[in-house]
Amino acid sequence: MEINLGKLAFDIDFHPSDNLVAAGLITGDLHLYRYSPDSVPVRMLEVHAHIESCRAARFINGGRALLTGSPDCSILATDVETGSTIARLDNAHESAVNRLINLTESTVASGDDEGCIKVWDTRERSCCNTFNAHEDYISDMTFASDAMKLLSTSGDGTLSVCNLRRNKVQAQSEFSEDELLSVVLMKNGRKVVCGSQTGIILLYSWGCFKDCSDRFVDLSSNSIDTMLKLDEDRIITGSENGIINLVGILPNRVIQPIAEHSEYPVECLAFSHDRKFLGSIAHDQLLKLWDLDNILQGSENPQTNEAGADHSDDDEMDLDDDPSKSKGRKRKNANNGHALGDSNNFFADL
């Protein structure tokens, strides 16, 4: 199933309980589509959300609103039913907003091109945490909910761990030789898996973030721009050569290529709410919805899940309070925004 978006897309997200998928476009537009296995997808909304590109899009508040971020430094909340603006913050960050992620039912995090991460509490209607986690753009984030720790990767080549309870950057890895572009938690939280610009997958053991415990170099020489956790033993990767691979972790192996989006780099991957579809976008302006069961046919499903890890505060990690940093390279240009809103009151109308 394909949707011609007409323009390059930077991000996609599926509704948490309905057959809806949203896409943020280079034009600053936000598109919302209803899909079905038996019919052609229908566009439900088209909103000009930002004056510059729409780099990040996430459903929030149980799918009632869509949050978007942009290089114009703004974050916008849009009503899913009507397409009307719920709230806009034009000074959300001092630099381009590059990533958004849901944390809990009432909190979301945003990351920018200067390495700053902010956590927003929709219940208290305020920005509750700010982390200067990196020296370069935030490429990806994932959340360890049991530990209340936010993990991020960056163009500066590091992995950082932000402690939401203590409001500090609690750990940072040594600098990798190239940019880290994607991150997922595996093995019931005991391994952190990072994709890099050179196609190497780096594995870190929880609590030992200074240096990676393993490196998987056999995937390809193409950058791993996006990753999804399929289960505790397998991930789905999207690379700059347009190939979508199923990859096993510990043992590390390429299980099989499962799809080819196009010859262009895969920008983002996402699961539908029922995990029946895998969504992919690339630089060909197409949003593709793959039947997950069909593309996974013939792949092995190892039953080697390990026991869960305890990430409670009683089992603290080996951490640095003042991690060192160095200047990284920029992949995307930031644009200065204008202070037209109050970050502490952004979610007042949500």
C-alpha atoms as a PDB file:
ATOM      1  CA  MET A   1       0.000   0.000   0.000  1.00  0.00           C
ATOM      2  CA  GLU A   2       1.442   3.371  -1.029  1.00  0.00           C
ATOM      3  CA  ILE A   3       0.560   6.992  -0.329  1.00  0.00           C
ATOM      4  CA  ASN A   4       2.044   9.659  -2.579  1.00  0.00           C
ATOM      5  CA  LEU A   5       2.714  12.533  -0.210  1.00  0.00           C
ATOM      6  CA  GLY A   6       3.780  14.871  -2.994  1.00  0.00           C
ATOM      7  CA  LYS A   7       6.736  16.184  -1.006  1.00  0.00           C
ATOM      8  CA  LEU A   8       9.606  14.783   1.038  1.00  0.00           C
ATOM      9  CA  ALA A   9       8.537  13.515   4.469  1.00  0.00           C
ATOM     10  CA  PHE A  10      10.725  13.719   7.583  1.00  0.00           C
ATOM     11  CA  ASP A  11       8.614  11.799  10.089  1.00  0.00           C
ATOM     12  CA  ILE A  12       5.576   9.542  10.442  1.00  0.00           C
ATOM     13  CA  ASP A  13       3.535   8.333  13.399  1.00  0.00           C
ATOM     14  CA  PHE A  14       0.564   5.992  13.759  1.00  0.00           C
ATOM     15  CA  HIS A  15      -2.478   6.692  15.909  1.00  0.00           C
ATOM     16  CA  PRO A  16      -2.325   4.635  19.157  1.00  0.00           C
ATOM     17  CA  SER A  17      -5.719   2.956  18.612  1.00  0.00           C
ATOM     18  CA  ASP A  18      -7.129   3.837  15.180  1.00  0.00           C
ATOM     19  CA  ASN A  19      -6.145   3.242  11.540  1.00  0.00           C
ATOM     20  CA  LEU A  20      -4.644   6.715  11.106  1.00  0.00           C
ATOM     21  CA  VAL A  21      -1.121   7.703  10.133  1.00  0.00           C
ATOM     22  CA  ALA A  22       0.401  11.191  10.197  1.00  0.00           C
ATOM     23  CA  ALA A  23       3.294  12.552   8.139  1.00  0.00           C
ATOM     24  CA  GLY A  24       5.350  15.714   8.601  1.00  0.00           C
ATOM     25  CA  LEU A  25       6.598  17.206   5.332  1.00  0.00           C
ATOM     26  CA  ILE A  26       9.466  19.398   4.202  1.00  0.00           C
ATOM     27  CA  THR A  27       6.948  22.103   3.291  1.00  0.00           C
ATOM     28  CA  GLY A  28       5.858  22.453   6.918  1.00  0.00           C
ATOM     29  CA  ASP A  29       2.604  20.649   6.178  1.00  0.00           C
ATOM     30  CA  LEU A  30       1.086  17.953   8.368  1.00  0.00           C
ATOM     31  CA  HIS A  31      -0.915  15.216   6.612  1.00  0.00           C
ATOM     32  CA  LEU A  32      -3.255  12.733   8.259  1.00  0.00           C
ATOM     33  CA  TYR A  33      -4.494   9.617   6.403  1.00  0.00           C
ATOM     34  CA  ARG A  34      -6.992   6.892   7.184  1.00  0.00           C
ATOM     35  CA  TYR A  35      -5.891   3.499   5.860  1.00  0.00           C
ATOM     36  CA  SER A  36      -7.517   0.110   5.479  1.00  0.00           C
ATOM     37  CA  PRO A  37      -6.295  -3.222   4.093  1.00  0.00           C
ATOM     38  CA  ASP A  38      -9.214  -3.272   1.641  1.00  0.00           C
ATOM     39  CA  SER A  39      -9.312   0.293   0.326  1.00  0.00           C
ATOM     40  CA  VAL A  40      -7.185   3.177  -0.873  1.00  0.00           C
ATOM     41  CA  PRO A  41      -5.915   5.454   1.921  1.00  0.00           C
ATOM     42  CA  VAL A  42      -7.865   8.677   2.315  1.00  0.00           C
ATOM     43  CA  ARG A  43      -6.373  11.986   3.415  1.00  0.00           C
ATOM     44  CA  MET A  44      -8.324  13.309   6.387  1.00  0.00           C
ATOM     45  CA  LEU A  45      -6.349  16.448   7.194  1.00  0.00           C
ATOM     46  CA  GLU A  46      -3.846  18.776   5.557  1.00  0.00           C
ATOM     47  CA  VAL A  47      -2.556  21.470   7.888  1.00  0.00           C
ATOM     48  CA  HIS A  48       0.165  24.022   7.210  1.00  0.00           C
ATOM     49  CA  ALA A  49       1.702  23.563  10.629  1.00  0.00           C
ATOM     50  CA  HIS A  50       5.005  25.432  10.314  1.00  0.00           C
ATOM     51  CA  ILE A  51       6.641  28.105   8.194  1.00  0.00           C
ATOM     52  CA  GLU A  52       9.624  25.781   7.783  1.00  0.00           C
ATOM     53  CA  SER A  53       9.808  21.988   7.484  1.00  0.00           C
ATOM     54  CA  CYS A  54       7.899  19.690   9.817  1.00  0.00           C
ATOM     55  CA  ARG A  55      10.674  17.435  11.130  1.00  0.00           C
ATOM     56  CA  ALA A  56       8.826  15.589  13.891  1.00  0.00           C
ATOM     57  CA  ALA A  57       5.240  14.413  14.439  1.00  0.00           C
ATOM     58  CA  ARG A  58       3.717  12.477  17.341  1.00  0.00           C
ATOM     59  CA  PHE A  59       0.191  11.627  18.477  1.00  0.00           C
ATOM     60  CA  ILE A  60      -0.391  12.683  22.090  1.00  0.00           C
ATOM     61  CA  ASN A  61      -3.247  12.649  24.606  1.00  0.00           C
ATOM     62  CA  GLY A  62      -4.499   9.244  23.523  1.00  0.00           C
ATOM     63  CA  GLY A  63      -4.494  10.238  19.870  1.00  0.00           C
ATOM     64  CA  ARG A  64      -6.692  13.303  20.292  1.00  0.00           C
ATOM     65  CA  ALA A  65      -3.904  15.698  19.286  1.00  0.00           C
ATOM     66  CA  LEU A  66      -0.845  15.748  17.045  1.00  0.00           C
ATOM     67  CA  LEU A  67       2.359  17.389  18.187  1.00  0.00           C
ATOM     68  CA  THR A  68       4.816  18.663  15.570  1.00  0.00           C
ATOM     69  CA  GLY A  69       8.263  20.277  15.704  1.00  0.00           C
ATOM     70  CA  SER A  70      10.158  22.387  13.200  1.00  0.00           C
ATOM     71  CA  PRO A  71      13.449  24.168  12.410  1.00  0.00           C
ATOM     72  CA  ASP A  72      11.503  27.396  13.053  1.00  0.00           C
ATOM     73  CA  CYS A  73      11.937  26.396  16.757  1.00  0.00           C
ATOM     74  CA  SER A  74       8.205  25.984  17.263  1.00  0.00           C
ATOM     75  CA  ILE A  75       6.093  23.132  18.601  1.00  0.00           C
ATOM     76  CA  LEU A  76       2.454  22.943  17.525  1.00  0.00           C
ATOM     77  CA  ALA A  77      -0.447  20.933  18.942  1.00  0.00           C
ATOM     78  CA  THR A  78      -3.198  20.208  16.385  1.00  0.00           C
ATOM     79  CA  ASP A  79      -6.644  18.758  17.027  1.00  0.00           C
ATOM     80  CA  VAL A  80      -6.928  15.441  15.161  1.00  0.00           C
ATOM     81  CA  GLU A  81     -10.691  15.722  14.574  1.00  0.00           C
ATOM     82  CA  THR A  82     -10.878  19.314  13.323  1.00  0.00           C
ATOM     83  CA  GLY A  83      -7.339  20.215  12.282  1.00  0.00           C
ATOM     84  CA  SER A  84      -7.551  23.377  14.370  1.00  0.00           C
ATOM     85  CA  THR A  85      -4.640  24.678  16.428  1.00  0.00           C
ATOM     86  CA  ILE A  86      -4.851  23.788  20.106  1.00  0.00           C
ATOM     87  CA  ALA A  87      -1.651  25.523  21.158  1.00  0.00           C
ATOM     88  CA  ARG A  88       1.528  26.855  19.589  1.00  0.00           C
ATOM     89  CA  LEU A  89       4.865  27.592  21.185  1.00  0.00           C
ATOM     90  CA  ASP A  90       7.190  29.585  18.953  1.00  0.00           C
ATOM     91  CA  ASN A  91      10.133  29.607  21.354  1.00  0.00           C
ATOM     92  CA  ALA A  92      10.081  25.963  22.396  1.00  0.00           C
ATOM     93  CA  HIS A  93      13.833  25.641  21.808  1.00  0.00           C
ATOM     94  CA  GLU A  94      16.645  28.014  20.946  1.00  0.00           C
ATOM     95  CA  SER A  95      17.498  25.804  17.973  1.00  0.00           C
ATOM     96  CA  ALA A  96      15.666  23.709  15.381  1.00  0.00           C
ATOM     97  CA  VAL A  97      13.354  21.068  16.892  1.00  0.00           C
ATOM     98  CA  ASN A  98      14.476  17.763  15.428  1.00  0.00           C
ATOM     99  CA  ARG A  99      12.807  14.967  17.447  1.00  0.00           C
ATOM    100  CA  LEU A 100       9.681  14.282  19.505  1.00  0.00           C
ATOM    101  CA  ILE A 101       8.936  11.230  21.648  1.00  0.00           C
ATOM    102  CA  ASN A 102       6.124  10.164  23.970  1.00  0.00           C
ATOM    103  CA  LEU A 103       7.313   9.275  27.471  1.00  0.00           C
ATOM    104  CA  THR A 104       4.208   8.710  29.610  1.00  0.00           C
ATOM    105  CA  GLU A 105       0.524   9.512  29.213  1.00  0.00           C
ATOM    106  CA  SER A 106       1.225  13.058  30.355  1.00  0.00           C
ATOM    107  CA  THR A 107       4.819  13.753  29.274  1.00  0.00           C
ATOM    108  CA  VAL A 108       6.636  14.169  25.960  1.00  0.00           C
ATOM    109  CA  ALA A 109      10.242  15.040  25.116  1.00  0.00           C
ATOM    110  CA  SER A 110      11.665  17.206  22.351  1.00  0.00           C
ATOM    111  CA  GLY A 111      15.240  17.378  21.063  1.00  0.00           C
ATOM    112  CA  ASP A 112      16.927  20.077  19.002  1.00  0.00           C
ATOM    113  CA  ASP A 113      19.871  20.660  16.686  1.00  0.00           C
ATOM    114  CA  GLU A 114      22.126  21.962  19.476  1.00  0.00           C
ATOM    115  CA  GLY A 115      21.811  18.834  21.637  1.00  0.00           C
ATOM    116  CA  CYS A 116      19.213  20.187  24.073  1.00  0.00           C
ATOM    117  CA  ILE A 117      16.352  17.956  25.280  1.00  0.00           C
ATOM    118  CA  LYS A 118      13.231  19.280  26.990  1.00  0.00           C
ATOM    119  CA  VAL A 119      10.552  17.274  28.774  1.00  0.00           C
ATOM    120  CA  TRP A 120       7.026  18.698  28.746  1.00  0.00           C
ATOM    121  CA  ASP A 121       4.365  17.779  31.307  1.00  0.00           C
ATOM    122  CA  THR A 122       0.954  18.086  29.679  1.00  0.00           C
ATOM    123  CA  ARG A 123      -0.818  17.590  33.010  1.00  0.00           C
ATOM    124  CA  GLU A 124       1.086  20.356  34.821  1.00  0.00           C
ATOM    125  CA  ARG A 125       1.199  22.359  31.596  1.00  0.00           C
ATOM    126  CA  SER A 126       4.892  23.146  31.834  1.00  0.00           C
ATOM    127  CA  CYS A 127       8.431  22.289  30.748  1.00  0.00           C
ATOM    128  CA  CYS A 128       9.606  20.173  33.662  1.00  0.00           C
ATOM    129  CA  ASN A 129      13.114  19.089  32.607  1.00  0.00           C
ATOM    130  CA  THR A 130      15.867  20.551  30.438  1.00  0.00           C
ATOM    131  CA  PHE A 131      19.002  18.599  29.553  1.00  0.00           C
ATOM    132  CA  ASN A 132      22.001  19.946  27.652  1.00  0.00           C
ATOM    133  CA  ALA A 133      22.832  16.385  26.720  1.00  0.00           C
ATOM    134  CA  HIS A 134      24.910  16.766  23.544  1.00  0.00           C
ATOM    135  CA  GLU A 135      27.018  19.143  21.485  1.00  0.00           C
ATOM    136  CA  ASP A 136      25.271  18.333  18.197  1.00  0.00           C
ATOM    137  CA  TYR A 137      21.791  17.501  16.918  1.00  0.00           C
ATOM    138  CA  ILE A 138      19.594  14.967  18.696  1.00  0.00           C
ATOM    139  CA  SER A 139      19.204  12.126  16.195  1.00  0.00           C
ATOM    140  CA  ASP A 140      16.990   9.767  18.215  1.00  0.00           C
ATOM    141  CA  MET A 141      15.567   9.109  21.679  1.00  0.00           C
ATOM    142  CA  THR A 142      14.095   6.170  23.575  1.00  0.00           C
ATOM    143  CA  PHE A 143      12.641   5.880  27.069  1.00  0.00           C
ATOM    144  CA  ALA A 144      13.335   3.358  29.848  1.00  0.00           C
ATOM    145  CA  SER A 145      10.047   3.774  31.704  1.00  0.00           C
ATOM    146  CA  ASP A 146      10.881   1.600  34.714  1.00  0.00           C
ATOM    147  CA  ALA A 147      13.989   3.675  35.428  1.00  0.00           C
ATOM    148  CA  MET A 148      12.526   7.028  34.296  1.00  0.00           C
ATOM    149  CA  LYS A 149      15.601   7.536  32.148  1.00  0.00           C
ATOM    150  CA  LEU A 150      15.659   9.029  28.672  1.00  0.00           C
ATOM    151  CA  LEU A 151      18.359   7.791  26.289  1.00  0.00           C
ATOM    152  CA  SER A 152      19.469   9.875  23.336  1.00  0.00           C
ATOM    153  CA  THR A 153      21.892   9.652  20.426  1.00  0.00           C
ATOM    154  CA  SER A 154      23.498  12.535  18.612  1.00  0.00           C
ATOM    155  CA  GLY A 155      25.524  13.700  15.680  1.00  0.00           C
ATOM    156  CA  ASP A 156      28.377  14.265  18.141  1.00  0.00           C
ATOM    157  CA  GLY A 157      28.842  10.474  18.256  1.00  0.00           C
ATOM    158  CA  THR A 158      27.667   9.882  21.818  1.00  0.00           C
ATOM    159  CA  LEU A 159      24.895   8.130  23.718  1.00  0.00           C
ATOM    160  CA  SER A 160      23.539   9.993  26.743  1.00  0.00           C
ATOM    161  CA  VAL A 161      21.318   8.953  29.651  1.00  0.00           C
ATOM    162  CA  CYS A 162      19.100  11.635  31.206  1.00  0.00           C
ATOM    163  CA  ASN A 163      17.671  10.973  34.665  1.00  0.00           C
ATOM    164  CA  LEU A 164      14.192  12.506  34.795  1.00  0.00           C
ATOM    165  CA  ARG A 165      13.898  12.104  38.557  1.00  0.00           C
ATOM    166  CA  ARG A 166      17.172  13.911  39.284  1.00  0.00           C
ATOM    167  CA  ASN A 167      16.955  16.278  36.316  1.00  0.00           C
ATOM    168  CA  LYS A 168      20.510  15.712  35.136  1.00  0.00           C
ATOM    169  CA  VAL A 169      22.528  14.024  32.415  1.00  0.00           C
ATOM    170  CA  GLN A 170      23.574  10.988  34.374  1.00  0.00           C
ATOM    171  CA  ALA A 171      25.828   9.222  31.873  1.00  0.00           C
ATOM    172  CA  GLN A 172      27.467   9.758  28.513  1.00  0.00           C
ATOM    173  CA  SER A 173      29.401   7.362  26.347  1.00  0.00           C
ATOM    174  CA  GLU A 174      32.818   7.950  24.918  1.00  0.00           C
ATOM    175  CA  PHE A 175      32.789   9.569  21.498  1.00  0.00           C
ATOM    176  CA  SER A 176      32.216   7.240  18.581  1.00  0.00           C
ATOM    177  CA  GLU A 177      34.132   7.707  15.359  1.00  0.00           C
ATOM    178  CA  ASP A 178      30.959   8.695  13.541  1.00  0.00           C
ATOM    179  CA  GLU A 179      27.443   9.982  14.153  1.00  0.00           C
ATOM    180  CA  LEU A 180      24.976   7.847  16.108  1.00  0.00           C
ATOM    181  CA  LEU A 181      21.626   8.031  14.318  1.00  0.00           C
ATOM    182  CA  SER A 182      19.213   5.643  16.045  1.00  0.00           C
ATOM    183  CA  VAL A 183      18.678   3.872  19.372  1.00  0.00           C
ATOM    184  CA  VAL A 184      16.479   1.099  20.817  1.00  0.00           C
ATOM    185  CA  LEU A 185      16.362  -0.871  24.081  1.00  0.00           C
ATOM    186  CA  MET A 186      16.688  -4.657  23.756  1.00  0.00           C
ATOM    187  CA  LYS A 187      16.942  -7.815  25.864  1.00  0.00           C
ATOM    188  CA  ASN A 188      14.357  -6.594  28.374  1.00  0.00           C
ATOM    189  CA  GLY A 189      16.283  -3.404  28.947  1.00  0.00           C
ATOM    190  CA  ARG A 190      19.704  -4.967  29.437  1.00  0.00           C
ATOM    191  CA  LYS A 191      21.136  -3.830  26.090  1.00  0.00           C
ATOM    192  CA  VAL A 192      21.064  -0.477  24.314  1.00  0.00           C
ATOM    193  CA  VAL A 193      21.476  -0.769  20.539  1.00  0.00           C
ATOM    194  CA  CYS A 194      22.663   2.201  18.458  1.00  0.00           C
ATOM    195  CA  GLY A 195      22.846   2.549  14.679  1.00  0.00           C
ATOM    196  CA  SER A 196      25.628   4.632  13.167  1.00  0.00           C
ATOM    197  CA  GLN A 197      26.428   6.597  10.042  1.00  0.00           C
ATOM    198  CA  THR A 198      28.910   3.969   8.829  1.00  0.00           C
ATOM    199  CA  GLY A 199      26.440   1.083   9.206  1.00  0.00           C
ATOM    200  CA  ILE A 200      27.985  -0.321  12.385  1.00  0.00           C
ATOM    201  CA  ILE A 201      25.616  -1.303  15.196  1.00  0.00           C
ATOM    202  CA  LEU A 202      26.972  -0.524  18.670  1.00  0.00           C
ATOM    203  CA  LEU A 203      25.712  -2.443  21.714  1.00  0.00           C
ATOM    204  CA  TYR A 204      25.941  -1.038  25.235  1.00  0.00           C
ATOM    205  CA  SER A 205      25.200  -2.930  28.435  1.00  0.00           C
ATOM    206  CA  TRP A 206      22.823  -1.162  30.795  1.00  0.00           C
ATOM    207  CA  GLY A 207      24.834   0.664  33.440  1.00  0.00           C
ATOM    208  CA  CYS A 208      28.069   0.478  31.445  1.00  0.00           C
ATOM    209  CA  PHE A 209      27.737   3.324  28.956  1.00  0.00           C
ATOM    210  CA  LYS A 210      31.318   4.528  28.743  1.00  0.00           C
ATOM    211  CA  ASP A 211      32.170   2.141  25.919  1.00  0.00           C
ATOM    212  CA  CYS A 212      30.167  -0.292  23.827  1.00  0.00           C
ATOM    213  CA  SER A 213      30.266  -3.955  24.818  1.00  0.00           C
ATOM    214  CA  ASP A 214      29.909  -5.231  21.245  1.00  0.00           C
ATOM    215  CA  ARG A 215      30.034  -3.975  17.659  1.00  0.00           C
ATOM    216  CA  PHE A 216      28.163  -5.537  14.748  1.00  0.00           C
ATOM    217  CA  VAL A 217      29.989  -4.620  11.547  1.00  0.00           C
ATOM    218  CA  ASP A 218      28.459  -7.067   9.066  1.00  0.00           C
ATOM    219  CA  LEU A 219      25.156  -5.333   8.285  1.00  0.00           C
ATOM    220  CA  SER A 220      26.312  -2.947   5.525  1.00  0.00           C
ATOM    221  CA  SER A 221      28.426   0.119   4.915  1.00  0.00           C
ATOM    222  CA  ASN A 222      25.281   2.227   4.615  1.00  0.00           C
ATOM    223  CA  SER A 223      24.131   4.435   7.469  1.00  0.00           C
ATOM    224  CA  ILE A 224      21.444   3.016   9.769  1.00  0.00           C
ATOM    225  CA  ASP A 225      19.100   5.980   9.893  1.00  0.00           C
ATOM    226  CA  THR A 226      16.210   4.355  11.754  1.00  0.00           C
ATOM    227  CA  MET A 227      15.520   1.255  13.852  1.00  0.00           C
ATOM    228  CA  LEU A 228      12.450  -0.418  15.334  1.00  0.00           C
ATOM    229  CA  LYS A 229      12.371  -3.081  18.023  1.00  0.00           C
ATOM    230  CA  LEU A 230      10.368  -6.068  16.768  1.00  0.00           C
ATOM    231  CA  ASP A 231      10.911  -8.158  19.908  1.00  0.00           C
ATOM    232  CA  GLU A 232      13.654  -8.650  22.497  1.00  0.00           C
ATOM    233  CA  ASP A 233      15.887 -10.435  19.971  1.00  0.00           C
ATOM    234  CA  ARG A 234      15.194  -8.716  16.641  1.00  0.00           C
ATOM    235  CA  ILE A 235      15.196  -5.219  15.218  1.00  0.00           C
ATOM    236  CA  ILE A 236      14.085  -3.778  11.894  1.00  0.00           C
ATOM    237  CA  THR A 237      16.542  -1.314  10.361  1.00  0.00           C
ATOM    238  CA  GLY A 238      16.208   1.268   7.607  1.00  0.00           C
ATOM    239  CA  SER A 239      19.329   2.346   5.744  1.00  0.00           C
ATOM    240  CA  GLU A 240      20.465   4.941   3.254  1.00  0.00           C
ATOM    241  CA  ASN A 241      20.416   2.369   0.429  1.00  0.00           C
ATOM    242  CA  GLY A 242      16.640   2.003   0.787  1.00  0.00           C
ATOM    243  CA  ILE A 243      16.787  -1.539   2.190  1.00  0.00           C
ATOM    244  CA  ILE A 244      14.768  -2.571   5.247  1.00  0.00           C
ATOM    245  CA  ASN A 245      16.468  -5.418   7.107  1.00  0.00           C
ATOM    246  CA  LEU A 246      15.506  -7.809   9.872  1.00  0.00           C
ATOM    247  CA  VAL A 247      18.485  -8.075  12.214  1.00  0.00           C
ATOM    248  CA  GLY A 248      19.110 -10.391  15.164  1.00  0.00           C
ATOM    249  CA  ILE A 249      20.802  -9.096  18.289  1.00  0.00           C
ATOM    250  CA  LEU A 250      22.963 -11.419  20.432  1.00  0.00           C
ATOM    251  CA  PRO A 251      23.623 -13.462  18.434  1.00  0.00           C
ATOM    252  CA  ASN A 252      24.253 -10.628  15.979  1.00  0.00           C
ATOM    253  CA  ARG A 253      23.255 -11.518  12.440  1.00  0.00           C
ATOM    254  CA  VAL A 254      21.369 -10.236   9.423  1.00  0.00           C
ATOM    255  CA  ILE A 255      18.351 -12.536   9.347  1.00  0.00           C
ATOM    256  CA  GLN A 256      17.084 -11.292   5.984  1.00  0.00           C
ATOM    257  CA  PRO A 257      16.168  -8.196   3.969  1.00  0.00           C
ATOM    258  CA  ILE A 258      12.388  -7.862   4.314  1.00  0.00           C
ATOM    259  CA  ALA A 259      11.609  -4.922   2.017  1.00  0.00           C
ATOM    260  CA  GLU A 260      13.098  -2.399  -0.355  1.00  0.00           C
ATOM    261  CA  HIS A 261      11.438   0.978  -0.041  1.00  0.00           C
ATOM    262  CA  SER A 262      13.356   2.496  -2.965  1.00  0.00           C
ATOM    263  CA  GLU A 263      16.881   3.389  -3.955  1.00  0.00           C
ATOM    264  CA  TYR A 264      16.688   6.406  -1.652  1.00  0.00           C
ATOM    265  CA  PRO A 265      17.519   6.589   2.079  1.00  0.00           C
ATOM    266  CA  VAL A 266      14.868   5.331   4.489  1.00  0.00           C
ATOM    267  CA  GLU A 267      14.056   8.273   6.737  1.00  0.00           C
ATOM    268  CA  CYS A 268      11.717   6.681   9.280  1.00  0.00           C
ATOM    269  CA  LEU A 269      10.000   3.413  10.251  1.00  0.00           C
ATOM    270  CA  ALA A 270       6.934   2.961  12.470  1.00  0.00           C
ATOM    271  CA  PHE A 271       4.457   0.247  13.514  1.00  0.00           C
ATOM    272  CA  SER A 272       0.700   0.641  13.281  1.00  0.00           C
ATOM    273  CA  HIS A 273      -1.224   0.428  16.545  1.00  0.00           C
ATOM    274  CA  ASP A 274      -2.075  -3.262  15.987  1.00  0.00           C
ATOM    275  CA  ARG A 275       1.345  -4.041  14.476  1.00  0.00           C
ATOM    276  CA  LYS A 276      -0.302  -5.270  11.284  1.00  0.00           C
ATOM    277  CA  PHE A 277       1.534  -2.672   9.205  1.00  0.00           C
ATOM    278  CA  LEU A 278       5.059  -1.341   9.029  1.00  0.00           C
ATOM    279  CA  GLY A 279       5.216   2.224   7.732  1.00  0.00           C
ATOM    280  CA  SER A 280       8.275   3.567   5.926  1.00  0.00           C
ATOM    281  CA  ILE A 281       9.208   6.879   4.339  1.00  0.00           C
ATOM    282  CA  ALA A 282      12.217   7.713   2.205  1.00  0.00           C
ATOM    283  CA  HIS A 283      13.407  10.475  -0.102  1.00  0.00           C
ATOM    284  CA  ASP A 284      11.030   9.363  -2.854  1.00  0.00           C
ATOM    285  CA  GLN A 285       7.997  11.200  -1.382  1.00  0.00           C
ATOM    286  CA  LEU A 286       6.134   7.920  -0.782  1.00  0.00           C
ATOM    287  CA  LEU A 287       4.706   6.591   2.458  1.00  0.00           C
ATOM    288  CA  LYS A 288       4.587   2.806   2.177  1.00  0.00           C
ATOM    289  CA  LEU A 289       2.526   0.534   4.419  1.00  0.00           C
ATOM    290  CA  TRP A 290       3.870  -3.020   4.460  1.00  0.00           C
ATOM    291  CA  ASP A 291       1.850  -6.011   5.658  1.00  0.00           C
ATOM    292  CA  LEU A 292       4.083  -7.050   8.541  1.00  0.00           C
ATOM    293  CA  ASP A 293       3.111 -10.733   8.496  1.00  0.00           C
ATOM    294  CA  ASN A 294       3.839 -10.969   4.767  1.00  0.00           C
ATOM    295  CA  ILE A 295       7.268  -9.371   4.864  1.00  0.00           C
ATOM    296  CA  LEU A 296       8.308 -11.408   7.894  1.00  0.00           C
ATOM    297  CA  GLN A 297       7.383 -14.751   6.333  1.00  0.00           C
ATOM    298  CA  GLY A 298      10.261 -17.200   6.485  1.00  0.00           C
ATOM    299  CA  SER A 299      12.132 -15.337   9.185  1.00  0.00           C
ATOM    300  CA  GLU A 300      13.092 -17.215  12.288  1.00  0.00           C
ATOM    301  CA  ASN A 301      11.673 -16.160  15.639  1.00  0.00           C
ATOM    302  CA  PRO A 302      14.201 -17.173  18.298  1.00  0.00           C
ATOM    303  CA  GLN A 303      12.787 -17.905  21.726  1.00  0.00           C
ATOM    304  CA  THR A 304      15.841 -16.801  23.652  1.00  0.00           C
ATOM    305  CA  ASN A 305      14.481 -13.837  25.572  1.00  0.00           C
ATOM    306  CA  GLU A 306      16.478 -13.059  28.649  1.00  0.00           C
ATOM    307  CA  ALA A 307      15.113 -12.201  32.057  1.00  0.00           C
ATOM    308  CA  GLY A 308      14.262  -8.574  32.684  1.00  0.00           C
ATOM    309  CA  ALA A 309      16.700  -6.164  34.246  1.00  0.00           C
ATOM    310  CA  ASP A 310      16.117  -4.134  37.378  1.00  0.00           C
ATOM    311  CA  HIS A 311      16.574  -0.439  36.581  1.00  0.00           C
ATOM    312  CA  SER A 312      15.316   0.850  39.908  1.00  0.00           C
ATOM    313  CA  ASP A 313      17.195   3.530  41.813  1.00  0.00           C
ATOM    314  CA  ASP A 314      18.413   0.841  44.237  1.00  0.00           C
ATOM    315  CA  ASP A 315      20.565  -0.538  41.415  1.00  0.00           C
ATOM    316  CA  GLU A 316      22.323   2.595  40.241  1.00  0.00           C
ATOM    317  CA  MET A 317      24.406   2.694  37.084  1.00  0.00           C
ATOM    318  CA  ASP A 318      28.126   3.445  36.952  1.00  0.00           C
ATOM    319  CA  LEU A 319      27.672   7.064  35.944  1.00  0.00           C
ATOM    320  CA  ASP A 320      29.474  10.365  35.532  1.00  0.00           C
ATOM    321  CA  ASP A 321      27.900  13.521  36.929  1.00  0.00           C
ATOM    322  CA  ASP A 322      29.796  15.805  34.562  1.00  0.00           C
ATOM    323  CA  PRO A 323      30.342  13.997  31.267  1.00  0.00           C
ATOM    324  CA  SER A 324      32.870  15.515  28.870  1.00  0.00           C
ATOM    325  CA  LYS A 325      31.773  16.665  25.450  1.00  0.00           C
ATOM    326  CA  SER A 326      33.341  17.682  22.146  1.00  0.00           C
ATOM    327  CA  LYS A 327      32.138  19.528  19.098  1.00  0.00           C
ATOM    328  CA  GLY A 328      30.256  17.349  16.575  1.00  0.00           C
ATOM    329  CA  ARG A 329      29.253  17.841  12.979  1.00  0.00           C
ATOM    330  CA  LYS A 330      25.966  19.324  11.847  1.00  0.00           C
ATOM    331  CA  ARG A 331      23.739  17.270   9.591  1.00  0.00           C
ATOM    332  CA  LYS A 332      20.859  19.723   9.559  1.00  0.00           C
ATOM    333  CA  ASN A 333      20.782  23.521   9.700  1.00  0.00           C
ATOM    334  CA  ALA A 334      18.994  25.287  12.511  1.00  0.00           C
ATOM    335  CA  ASN A 335      16.921  28.452  12.139  1.00  0.00           C
ATOM    336  CA  ASN A 336      16.254  30.944  14.908  1.00  0.00           C
ATOM    337  CA  GLY A 337      12.662  31.265  16.079  1.00  0.00           C
ATOM    338  CA  HIS A 338      10.878  34.281  17.583  1.00  0.00           C
ATOM    339  CA  ALA A 339       9.669  34.416  21.156  1.00  0.00           C
ATOM    340  CA  LEU A 340       5.903  34.560  20.765  1.00  0.00           C
ATOM    341  CA  GLY A 341       4.848  32.189  23.528  1.00  0.00           C
ATOM    342  CA  ASP A 342       5.571  31.087  27.074  1.00  0.00           C
ATOM    343  CA  SER A 343       7.039  27.585  27.363  1.00  0.00           C
ATOM    344  CA  ASN A 344       5.608  27.174  30.863  1.00  0.00           C
ATOM    345  CA  ASN A 345       2.061  27.646  29.552  1.00  0.00           C
ATOM    346  CA  PHE A 346       2.283  25.777  26.244  1.00  0.00           C
ATOM    347  CA  PHE A 347      -0.019  22.915  27.233  1.00  0.00           C
ATOM    348  CA  ALA A 348      -2.585  25.084  28.995  1.00  0.00           C
ATOM    349  CA  ASP A 349      -5.219  24.351  26.354  1.00  0.00           C
ATOM    350  CA  LEU A 350      -4.474  20.659  25.787  1.00  0.00           C
END
